[in-house]
Each structure stands twice: as structure tokens, then as C-alpha cells.
C-alpha atoms as a PDB file:
ATOM      1  CA  UNK A   1     111.360 330.056 113.396  1.00  0.00           C
ATOM      2  CA  UNK A   2     108.641 332.735 113.841  1.00  0.00           C
ATOM      3  CA  UNK A   3     106.975 329.959 116.578  1.00  0.00           C
ATOM      4  CA  UNK A   4     110.511 330.678 118.774  1.00  0.00           C
ATOM      5  CA  UNK A   5     110.296 334.363 118.492  1.00  0.00           C
ATOM      6  CA  UNK A   6     108.086 334.975 121.801  1.00  0.00           C
ATOM      7  CA  UNK A   7     110.468 331.912 124.043  1.00  0.00           C
ATOM      8  CA  UNK A   8     113.931 332.725 122.560  1.00  0.00           C
ATOM      9  CA  UNK A   9     115.990 337.001 121.683  1.00  0.00           C
ATOM     10  CA  UNK A  10     116.144 337.627 118.646  1.00  0.00           C
ATOM     11  CA  UNK A  11     119.441 338.140 119.146  1.00  0.00           C
ATOM     12  CA  UNK A  12     120.119 335.055 120.261  1.00  0.00           C
ATOM     13  CA  UNK A  13     118.359 332.819 117.488  1.00  0.00           C
ATOM     14  CA  UNK A  14     120.841 334.976 115.117  1.00  0.00           C
ATOM     15  CA  UNK A  15     123.605 333.596 116.753  1.00  0.00           C
ATOM     16  CA  UNK A  16     121.750 329.356 117.026  1.00  0.00           C
ATOM     17  CA  UNK A  17     119.690 327.001 115.747  1.00  0.00           C
ATOM     18  CA  UNK A  18     117.220 326.452 117.560  1.00  0.00           C
ATOM     19  CA  UNK A  19     114.430 324.161 117.013  1.00  0.00           C
ATOM     20  CA  UNK A  20     111.472 323.332 118.319  1.00  0.00           C
ATOM     21  CA  UNK A  21     110.036 319.593 118.319  1.00  0.00           C
ATOM     22  CA  UNK A  22     106.470 319.277 119.630  1.00  0.00           C
ATOM     23  CA  UNK A  23     106.107 321.958 121.184  1.00  0.00           C
ATOM     24  CA  UNK A  24     109.149 321.577 123.881  1.00  0.00           C
ATOM     25  CA  UNK A  25     109.767 325.885 123.881  1.00  0.00           C
ATOM     26  CA  UNK A  26     106.717 326.320 125.084  1.00  0.00           C
ATOM     27  CA  UNK A  27     106.522 323.553 127.242  1.00  0.00           C
ATOM     28  CA  UNK A  28     110.782 324.136 129.061  1.00  0.00           C
ATOM     29  CA  UNK A  29     110.000 327.644 129.209  1.00  0.00           C
ATOM     30  CA  UNK A  30     106.345 327.428 130.864  1.00  0.00           C
ATOM     31  CA  UNK A  31     106.807 324.111 133.132  1.00  0.00           C
ATOM     32  CA  UNK A  32     110.325 325.002 133.912  1.00  0.00           C
ATOM     33  CA  UNK A  33     110.951 328.291 133.111  1.00  0.00           C
ATOM     34  CA  UNK A  34     114.584 328.231 135.792  1.00  0.00           C
ATOM     35  CA  UNK A  35     115.850 325.784 133.503  1.00  0.00           C
ATOM     36  CA  UNK A  36     114.974 327.073 129.808  1.00  0.00           C
ATOM     37  CA  UNK A  37     116.395 331.262 130.716  1.00  0.00           C
ATOM     38  CA  UNK A  38     119.430 329.942 133.589  1.00  0.00           C
ATOM     39  CA  UNK A  39     120.423 327.707 130.011  1.00  0.00           C
ATOM     40  CA  UNK A  40     119.194 330.594 127.394  1.00  0.00           C
ATOM     41  CA  UNK A  41     121.981 332.545 130.173  1.00  0.00           C
ATOM     42  CA  UNK A  42     124.123 330.538 129.765  1.00  0.00           C
ATOM     43  CA  UNK A  43     123.714 330.141 125.812  1.00  0.00           C
ATOM     44  CA  UNK A  44     124.510 333.941 125.129  1.00  0.00           C
ATOM     45  CA  UNK A  45     127.458 334.002 127.950  1.00  0.00           C
ATOM     46  CA  UNK A  46     129.961 331.799 125.693  1.00  0.00           C
ATOM     47  CA  UNK A  47     132.210 331.987 123.720  1.00  0.00           C
ATOM     48  CA  UNK A  48     133.307 329.179 121.069  1.00  0.00           C
ATOM     49  CA  UNK A  49     135.611 329.830 118.938  1.00  0.00           C
ATOM     50  CA  UNK A  50     135.863 327.496 114.833  1.00  0.00           C
ATOM     51  CA  UNK A  51     139.333 326.680 116.778  1.00  0.00           C
ATOM     52  CA  UNK A  52     137.172 325.243 119.319  1.00  0.00           C
ATOM     53  CA  UNK A  53     134.407 323.500 117.232  1.00  0.00           C
ATOM     54  CA  UNK A  54     137.790 321.863 115.193  1.00  0.00           C
ATOM     55  CA  UNK A  55     139.696 320.946 118.042  1.00  0.00           C
ATOM     56  CA  UNK A  56     139.568 316.610 118.311  1.00  0.00           C
ATOM     57  CA  UNK A  57     139.331 315.780 121.519  1.00  0.00           C
ATOM     58  CA  UNK A  58     135.744 314.473 122.182  1.00  0.00           C
ATOM     59  CA  UNK A  59     135.048 315.846 126.431  1.00  0.00           C
ATOM     60  CA  UNK A  60     138.448 316.954 126.192  1.00  0.00           C
ATOM     61  CA  UNK A  61     138.076 319.147 123.994  1.00  0.00           C
ATOM     62  CA  UNK A  62     138.448 323.124 124.709  1.00  0.00           C
ATOM     63  CA  UNK A  63     134.014 323.632 123.840  1.00  0.00           C
ATOM     64  CA  UNK A  64     133.967 321.352 127.176  1.00  0.00           C
ATOM     65  CA  UNK A  65     134.829 323.058 130.287  1.00  0.00           C
ATOM     66  CA  UNK A  66     133.422 326.222 128.433  1.00  0.00           C
ATOM     67  CA  UNK A  67     129.740 324.743 129.043  1.00  0.00           C
ATOM     68  CA  UNK A  68     130.924 323.683 131.564  1.00  0.00           C
ATOM     69  CA  UNK A  69     131.919 327.059 133.650  1.00  0.00           C
ATOM     70  CA  UNK A  70     129.417 328.156 132.928  1.00  0.00           C
ATOM     71  CA  UNK A  71     126.488 325.743 133.066  1.00  0.00           C
ATOM     72  CA  UNK A  72     128.162 323.408 136.695  1.00  0.00           C
ATOM     73  CA  UNK A  73     127.583 326.388 139.541  1.00  0.00           C
ATOM     74  CA  UNK A  74     122.841 325.527 138.593  1.00  0.00           C
ATOM     75  CA  UNK A  75     123.402 322.202 139.059  1.00  0.00           C
ATOM     76  CA  UNK A  76     123.571 321.186 135.417  1.00  0.00           C
ATOM     77  CA  UNK A  77     125.881 317.589 134.691  1.00  0.00           C
ATOM     78  CA  UNK A  78     126.561 315.791 132.429  1.00  0.00           C
ATOM     79  CA  UNK A  79     124.169 312.594 131.662  1.00  0.00           C
ATOM     80  CA  UNK A  80     124.493 308.835 130.231  1.00  0.00           C
ATOM     81  CA  UNK A  81     120.889 308.178 129.115  1.00  0.00           C
ATOM     82  CA  UNK A  82     120.466 305.781 126.714  1.00  0.00           C
ATOM     83  CA  UNK A  83     116.904 303.793 125.050  1.00  0.00           C
ATOM     84  CA  UNK A  84     115.744 300.542 123.062  1.00  0.00           C
ATOM     85  CA  UNK A  85     113.913 300.558 120.401  1.00  0.00           C
ATOM     86  CA  UNK A  86     110.883 298.918 119.657  1.00  0.00           C
ATOM     87  CA  UNK A  87     110.587 297.934 115.914  1.00  0.00           C
ATOM     88  CA  UNK A  88     106.836 295.956 115.544  1.00  0.00           C
ATOM     89  CA  UNK A  89     106.488 294.205 111.878  1.00  0.00           C
END
């Protein structure tokens, strides 16, 4: 977590769990600074309750619309990504 303090505000590190795989925070903050800090701003603004998390329904639960309200105006869209895993023995 020490390495994340350079890129993510301390109060957010206390509110959320962040994992920095292969220097993702450094790369995103430098190469896609507007998107990275815009996303952090959205995380700062979002209010998710335990009740929101426990409510079933997938995309119909209360949580996804809260993200949409914050991210859609900036052009963020939900997408599906699929891939194949090739294992050679």
C-alpha cells in the first residue's frame, strides 16, 4: 500500500481496498491521467451502504445506478470483455 500513497489520496486508501498489479496505478495516472483522476473523483463521491451491497439483483440492484450517475456524464460505459486462455503443456 505504501506505493499507492503517491497516486491515491490517503482518505481513499482508508475507504477502499486498492491493489496495484504491475504498476497499474503509476501507468494509469501518467498515461491516462484525466480518466484515472476522474475515476478517483467518482469513488470519492459515491455512497454505498451495506444494504446496497446486500440487495440482490445484479445490474438491477441499487449499486450500479450510483456508479452510472457519476461516470456516464464523463463518457464511461459498461462493456463486456471476453477472452480465451491458451494453456500449452
